């Protein structure tokens, strides 16, 4: 496994979760130059982009999560987070983190988020 993702679980609609993702051996300069993203895939659906934090400082979100989810990175911990607020049942999916940069394209195993009504 190249990336370690954690933080998924069961939460009621309206609740919050924070996902974390890191590559334990990535050096800091690589971390800085990497575009980090969170994707999700629900049963029977295609994988979709949830949020992206690019090395140029820009951030992008999927339309369905704008205003509710926030992606951020902690350079000291070499960790990327996805703060998910006001969760809806439609957010139920397996969430994957991705690190993409010069010569790298890493994926995590996925962490399951289940939102109950």
C-alpha atoms as a PDB file:
ATOM      1  CA  UNK A   1       0.000   0.000   0.000  1.00  0.00           C
ATOM      2  CA  UNK A   2       1.489   3.296  -1.032  1.00  0.00           C
ATOM      3  CA  UNK A   3      -0.833   5.649   0.806  1.00  0.00           C
ATOM      4  CA  UNK A   4      -2.428   5.152   4.191  1.00  0.00           C
ATOM      5  CA  UNK A   5      -5.931   6.553   4.461  1.00  0.00           C
ATOM      6  CA  UNK A   6      -7.980   6.556   7.631  1.00  0.00           C
ATOM      7  CA  UNK A   7     -10.910   8.200   9.336  1.00  0.00           C
ATOM      8  CA  UNK A   8     -13.874   6.547   7.680  1.00  0.00           C
ATOM      9  CA  UNK A   9     -16.768   5.141   9.619  1.00  0.00           C
ATOM     10  CA  UNK A  10     -20.473   5.286  10.281  1.00  0.00           C
ATOM     11  CA  UNK A  11     -22.063   8.658  10.931  1.00  0.00           C
ATOM     12  CA  UNK A  12     -25.583  10.019  10.947  1.00  0.00           C
ATOM     13  CA  UNK A  13     -26.741  12.456   8.317  1.00  0.00           C
ATOM     14  CA  UNK A  14     -25.721  15.966   9.278  1.00  0.00           C
ATOM     15  CA  UNK A  15     -22.639  14.748  11.085  1.00  0.00           C
ATOM     16  CA  UNK A  16     -18.956  15.182  10.337  1.00  0.00           C
ATOM     17  CA  UNK A  17     -15.898  13.078   9.688  1.00  0.00           C
ATOM     18  CA  UNK A  18     -12.285  13.865   8.926  1.00  0.00           C
ATOM     19  CA  UNK A  19     -10.271  11.631   6.640  1.00  0.00           C
ATOM     20  CA  UNK A  20      -6.479  11.539   6.691  1.00  0.00           C
ATOM     21  CA  UNK A  21      -3.977  10.354   4.126  1.00  0.00           C
ATOM     22  CA  UNK A  22      -0.218  10.107   4.177  1.00  0.00           C
ATOM     23  CA  UNK A  23       2.737   8.323   2.627  1.00  0.00           C
ATOM     24  CA  UNK A  24       5.019   7.494   5.504  1.00  0.00           C
ATOM     25  CA  UNK A  25       8.252   7.564   3.480  1.00  0.00           C
ATOM     26  CA  UNK A  26       7.581  10.555   1.254  1.00  0.00           C
ATOM     27  CA  UNK A  27      10.158  13.265   1.630  1.00  0.00           C
ATOM     28  CA  UNK A  28       8.929  16.781   2.277  1.00  0.00           C
ATOM     29  CA  UNK A  29      10.006  18.257  -1.055  1.00  0.00           C
ATOM     30  CA  UNK A  30       8.029  15.584  -2.869  1.00  0.00           C
ATOM     31  CA  UNK A  31       5.029  16.199  -0.639  1.00  0.00           C
ATOM     32  CA  UNK A  32       5.108  19.885  -1.545  1.00  0.00           C
ATOM     33  CA  UNK A  33       5.322  19.231  -5.264  1.00  0.00           C
ATOM     34  CA  UNK A  34       2.521  16.680  -5.292  1.00  0.00           C
ATOM     35  CA  UNK A  35      -1.107  17.233  -6.197  1.00  0.00           C
ATOM     36  CA  UNK A  36      -3.307  15.498  -3.629  1.00  0.00           C
ATOM     37  CA  UNK A  37      -6.848  14.436  -4.231  1.00  0.00           C
ATOM     38  CA  UNK A  38      -9.721  12.608  -2.636  1.00  0.00           C
ATOM     39  CA  UNK A  39     -11.985  10.494  -4.811  1.00  0.00           C
ATOM     40  CA  UNK A  40     -14.958   8.360  -3.920  1.00  0.00           C
ATOM     41  CA  UNK A  41     -16.824   5.467  -5.398  1.00  0.00           C
ATOM     42  CA  UNK A  42     -20.274   4.371  -4.394  1.00  0.00           C
ATOM     43  CA  UNK A  43     -21.604   0.901  -5.253  1.00  0.00           C
ATOM     44  CA  UNK A  44     -22.596   0.747  -8.899  1.00  0.00           C
ATOM     45  CA  UNK A  45     -21.173   4.178  -9.671  1.00  0.00           C
ATOM     46  CA  UNK A  46     -17.998   5.464 -11.234  1.00  0.00           C
ATOM     47  CA  UNK A  47     -15.194   6.884  -9.157  1.00  0.00           C
ATOM     48  CA  UNK A  48     -15.509  10.656  -8.923  1.00  0.00           C
ATOM     49  CA  UNK A  49     -13.311  13.482  -7.775  1.00  0.00           C
ATOM     50  CA  UNK A  50     -14.302  14.892  -4.403  1.00  0.00           C
ATOM     51  CA  UNK A  51     -11.562  17.424  -3.747  1.00  0.00           C
ATOM     52  CA  UNK A  52      -8.135  18.313  -4.991  1.00  0.00           C
ATOM     53  CA  UNK A  53      -5.309  20.297  -3.425  1.00  0.00           C
ATOM     54  CA  UNK A  54      -2.725  21.135  -6.044  1.00  0.00           C
ATOM     55  CA  UNK A  55       0.890  22.002  -5.527  1.00  0.00           C
ATOM     56  CA  UNK A  56       0.248  25.434  -7.045  1.00  0.00           C
ATOM     57  CA  UNK A  57      -1.992  26.235  -4.091  1.00  0.00           C
ATOM     58  CA  UNK A  58      -5.302  25.878  -5.897  1.00  0.00           C
ATOM     59  CA  UNK A  59      -8.134  23.735  -4.597  1.00  0.00           C
ATOM     60  CA  UNK A  60     -11.015  22.237  -6.492  1.00  0.00           C
ATOM     61  CA  UNK A  61     -14.153  20.501  -5.309  1.00  0.00           C
ATOM     62  CA  UNK A  62     -16.834  18.376  -6.834  1.00  0.00           C
ATOM     63  CA  UNK A  63     -20.122  20.220  -7.213  1.00  0.00           C
ATOM     64  CA  UNK A  64     -21.921  17.937  -4.778  1.00  0.00           C
ATOM     65  CA  UNK A  65     -19.546  18.686  -1.899  1.00  0.00           C
ATOM     66  CA  UNK A  66     -18.836  22.399  -2.365  1.00  0.00           C
ATOM     67  CA  UNK A  67     -19.409  24.296   0.838  1.00  0.00           C
ATOM     68  CA  UNK A  68     -19.463  21.132   2.935  1.00  0.00           C
ATOM     69  CA  UNK A  69     -16.063  19.497   2.435  1.00  0.00           C
ATOM     70  CA  UNK A  70     -12.615  21.034   2.861  1.00  0.00           C
ATOM     71  CA  UNK A  71      -9.308  19.602   1.737  1.00  0.00           C
ATOM     72  CA  UNK A  72      -6.133  20.697   3.456  1.00  0.00           C
ATOM     73  CA  UNK A  73      -2.575  19.595   3.969  1.00  0.00           C
ATOM     74  CA  UNK A  74      -0.244  19.679   6.962  1.00  0.00           C
ATOM     75  CA  UNK A  75       3.286  19.995   5.658  1.00  0.00           C
ATOM     76  CA  UNK A  76       4.896  19.211   9.012  1.00  0.00           C
ATOM     77  CA  UNK A  77       3.017  15.917   9.217  1.00  0.00           C
ATOM     78  CA  UNK A  78       3.076  15.274   5.473  1.00  0.00           C
ATOM     79  CA  UNK A  79      -0.606  14.503   5.756  1.00  0.00           C
ATOM     80  CA  UNK A  80      -3.623  15.508   3.712  1.00  0.00           C
ATOM     81  CA  UNK A  81      -7.054  15.837   5.277  1.00  0.00           C
ATOM     82  CA  UNK A  82     -10.612  15.891   4.049  1.00  0.00           C
ATOM     83  CA  UNK A  83     -12.971  17.519   6.516  1.00  0.00           C
ATOM     84  CA  UNK A  84     -16.516  16.467   5.722  1.00  0.00           C
ATOM     85  CA  UNK A  85     -19.371  18.377   7.314  1.00  0.00           C
ATOM     86  CA  UNK A  86     -23.136  18.229   6.886  1.00  0.00           C
ATOM     87  CA  UNK A  87     -22.854  14.714   5.580  1.00  0.00           C
ATOM     88  CA  UNK A  88     -25.679  13.307   3.501  1.00  0.00           C
ATOM     89  CA  UNK A  89     -26.685   9.739   2.765  1.00  0.00           C
ATOM     90  CA  UNK A  90     -25.517  10.350  -0.818  1.00  0.00           C
ATOM     91  CA  UNK A  91     -21.972  10.788   0.527  1.00  0.00           C
ATOM     92  CA  UNK A  92     -21.860   7.096   1.386  1.00  0.00           C
ATOM     93  CA  UNK A  93     -18.945   5.620  -0.555  1.00  0.00           C
ATOM     94  CA  UNK A  94     -15.421   4.314  -0.324  1.00  0.00           C
ATOM     95  CA  UNK A  95     -13.058   7.260  -0.298  1.00  0.00           C
ATOM     96  CA  UNK A  96      -9.625   7.041  -1.880  1.00  0.00           C
ATOM     97  CA  UNK A  97      -6.726   9.406  -1.633  1.00  0.00           C
ATOM     98  CA  UNK A  98      -4.412  10.017  -4.553  1.00  0.00           C
ATOM     99  CA  UNK A  99      -0.996  11.600  -4.811  1.00  0.00           C
ATOM    100  CA  UNK A 100       0.093  12.658  -8.269  1.00  0.00           C
ATOM    101  CA  UNK A 101       3.289  14.387  -9.268  1.00  0.00           C
ATOM    102  CA  UNK A 102       6.433  14.049 -11.339  1.00  0.00           C
ATOM    103  CA  UNK A 103       6.948  10.324 -11.695  1.00  0.00           C
ATOM    104  CA  UNK A 104       4.384   9.317  -9.094  1.00  0.00           C
ATOM    105  CA  UNK A 105       0.747   8.335  -9.026  1.00  0.00           C
ATOM    106  CA  UNK A 106      -0.112   6.744  -5.698  1.00  0.00           C
ATOM    107  CA  UNK A 107      -3.463   5.465  -4.452  1.00  0.00           C
ATOM    108  CA  UNK A 108      -4.616   4.426  -1.037  1.00  0.00           C
ATOM    109  CA  UNK A 109      -6.685   1.326  -0.320  1.00  0.00           C
ATOM    110  CA  UNK A 110      -9.780   3.312   0.442  1.00  0.00           C
ATOM    111  CA  UNK A 111     -11.705   4.062   3.585  1.00  0.00           C
ATOM    112  CA  UNK A 112     -15.431   3.444   3.845  1.00  0.00           C
ATOM    113  CA  UNK A 113     -17.769   6.245   4.827  1.00  0.00           C
ATOM    114  CA  UNK A 114     -21.347   5.294   5.607  1.00  0.00           C
ATOM    115  CA  UNK A 115     -23.916   7.995   6.300  1.00  0.00           C
ATOM    116  CA  UNK A 116     -27.150   6.808   7.835  1.00  0.00           C
ATOM    117  CA  UNK A 117     -30.464   8.639   7.691  1.00  0.00           C
END
